[in-house]
Amino acid sequence: QVRLVESGGGLVQPGGSLRLSCAASVIDFRLYTMGWYRQAPGKQREWVADITSGDSTNYADSVKGRFTISKDNAKNTVYLQMNSLKSEDTAVYFCNAKRNFFKNVYWGQGTQVTVSS
């Protein structure tokens, strides 16, 4: 059973930065592709970024150049560094995990990010 816990959300001013963390309670963390999604009120959940077991990264066009996804295998933790934040980045951010070659996708409970003056 995979358990994901996000943290690091909060209120930040436009142009500011925030780093989100996702701690994974799983023994085989290195075999997972980890991702970040976000969902604003009344909107569909959208993909933000992911990082593979080989540390290859991918980003949505809306965050490319501003956000950086990374992981620390020793800590079973994935991070999302968010810079140059805009009001449209306001959303609940969710961590997810998918083990290589397995069907199931696991989700954390989310952490609120609010970008406002």
Protein backbone atom coordinates (compact mmCIF):
# COMPACT_ATOMS: atom_id res chain seq x y z
CA GLN A 1 0.00 0.00 0.00
CA VAL A 2 1.38 3.36 -1.10
CA ARG A 3 0.77 6.38 1.11
CA LEU A 4 1.63 9.90 0.01
CA VAL A 5 1.64 12.99 2.23
CA GLU A 6 2.10 16.46 0.76
CA SER A 7 3.33 19.46 2.70
CA GLY A 8 4.71 22.94 2.13
CA GLY A 9 1.66 24.74 0.79
CA GLY A 10 0.59 28.14 1.97
CA LEU A 11 -0.01 31.76 1.05
CA VAL A 12 2.58 33.52 -1.07
CA GLN A 13 2.67 36.82 -2.95
CA PRO A 14 2.90 36.96 -6.75
CA GLY A 15 6.50 36.54 -7.84
CA GLY A 16 7.33 34.58 -4.72
CA SER A 17 8.54 31.03 -4.28
CA LEU A 18 7.38 27.93 -2.48
CA ARG A 19 8.65 24.37 -2.20
CA LEU A 20 6.25 21.48 -1.87
CA SER A 21 7.23 18.09 -0.49
CA CYS A 22 5.66 14.68 -0.93
CA ALA A 23 6.73 11.94 1.45
CA ALA A 24 6.07 8.42 0.18
CA SER A 25 5.62 5.53 2.59
CA VAL A 26 6.76 2.78 0.26
CA ILE A 27 9.73 0.44 0.27
CA ASP A 28 10.37 0.49 -3.49
CA PHE A 29 10.33 4.26 -4.08
CA ARG A 30 13.02 4.07 -6.75
CA LEU A 31 10.71 2.04 -9.02
CA TYR A 32 8.04 4.76 -9.24
CA THR A 33 7.30 7.61 -11.54
CA MET A 34 6.25 10.50 -9.30
CA GLY A 35 4.11 13.41 -10.38
CA TRP A 36 2.50 16.63 -9.32
CA TYR A 37 -1.01 17.69 -10.30
CA ARG A 38 -3.11 20.67 -9.31
CA GLN A 39 -6.78 21.50 -9.16
CA ALA A 40 -8.36 24.93 -8.85
CA PRO A 41 -11.98 25.32 -7.66
CA GLY A 42 -14.42 24.36 -10.40
CA LYS A 43 -11.62 23.20 -12.68
CA GLN A 44 -10.34 19.85 -13.86
CA ARG A 45 -7.29 18.41 -12.21
CA GLU A 46 -4.32 19.14 -14.44
CA TRP A 47 -0.90 17.60 -14.70
CA VAL A 48 2.00 19.82 -13.65
CA ALA A 49 5.19 17.75 -13.72
CA ASP A 50 6.61 14.29 -13.25
CA ILE A 51 9.92 12.56 -12.65
CA THR A 52 10.72 8.99 -13.61
CA SER A 53 12.69 6.33 -11.76
CA GLY A 54 15.65 7.37 -13.93
CA ASP A 55 15.26 11.05 -12.95
CA SER A 56 13.92 12.15 -16.32
CA THR A 57 11.60 15.15 -15.88
CA ASN A 58 8.64 16.57 -17.79
CA TYR A 59 6.64 19.77 -17.30
CA ALA A 60 3.39 21.30 -18.41
CA ASP A 61 3.85 24.33 -20.65
CA SER A 62 2.20 26.55 -18.06
CA VAL A 63 4.96 25.93 -15.51
CA LYS A 64 7.99 25.15 -17.65
CA GLY A 65 10.90 27.36 -16.68
CA ARG A 66 9.35 28.29 -13.33
CA PHE A 67 8.83 24.96 -11.56
CA THR A 68 11.35 22.21 -10.87
CA ILE A 69 10.52 18.67 -9.82
CA SER A 70 13.15 16.63 -8.02
CA LYS A 71 13.44 13.72 -5.63
CA ASP A 72 15.60 12.36 -2.86
CA ASN A 73 15.58 8.57 -3.00
CA ALA A 74 17.21 8.26 0.41
CA LYS A 75 14.28 10.16 1.95
CA ASN A 76 11.51 8.72 -0.28
CA THR A 77 10.51 12.30 -1.00
CA VAL A 78 9.56 14.23 -4.13
CA TYR A 79 9.75 18.01 -4.29
CA LEU A 80 8.22 20.73 -6.40
CA GLN A 81 10.14 23.99 -6.33
CA MET A 82 7.85 26.77 -7.53
CA ASN A 83 9.35 30.11 -8.49
CA SER A 84 7.89 33.27 -10.02
CA LEU A 85 4.47 32.28 -8.79
CA LYS A 86 1.38 33.77 -10.41
CA SER A 87 -2.20 34.06 -9.24
CA GLU A 88 -3.20 31.40 -11.77
CA ASP A 89 -0.98 28.93 -9.90
CA THR A 90 -3.47 28.99 -7.03
CA ALA A 91 -4.78 25.46 -6.54
CA VAL A 92 -4.65 22.38 -4.41
CA TYR A 93 -1.51 20.52 -5.37
CA PHE A 94 -1.51 16.72 -5.34
CA CYS A 95 1.31 14.26 -5.43
CA ASN A 96 0.85 10.98 -7.27
CA ALA A 97 2.81 7.80 -7.79
CA LYS A 98 2.80 4.97 -10.31
CA ARG A 99 5.05 1.95 -10.07
CA ASN A 100 6.81 0.95 -13.28
CA PHE A 101 4.73 -1.57 -15.27
CA PHE A 102 1.86 -1.50 -12.74
CA LYS A 103 -1.61 -0.12 -13.40
CA ASN A 104 -2.56 1.50 -10.08
CA VAL A 105 -2.00 5.20 -9.49
CA TYR A 106 -1.84 6.55 -5.96
CA TRP A 107 -2.71 10.05 -4.74
CA GLY A 108 -1.97 12.17 -1.73
CA GLN A 109 -4.56 14.33 -0.01
CA GLY A 110 -3.25 17.60 -1.40
CA THR A 111 -1.82 20.83 -0.09
CA GLN A 112 -3.27 24.29 -0.73
CA VAL A 113 -1.20 26.88 -2.57
CA THR A 114 -2.61 30.40 -2.70
CA VAL A 115 -0.85 33.13 -4.67
CA SER A 116 -2.28 36.50 -3.74
CA SER A 117 -1.35 40.01 -2.66
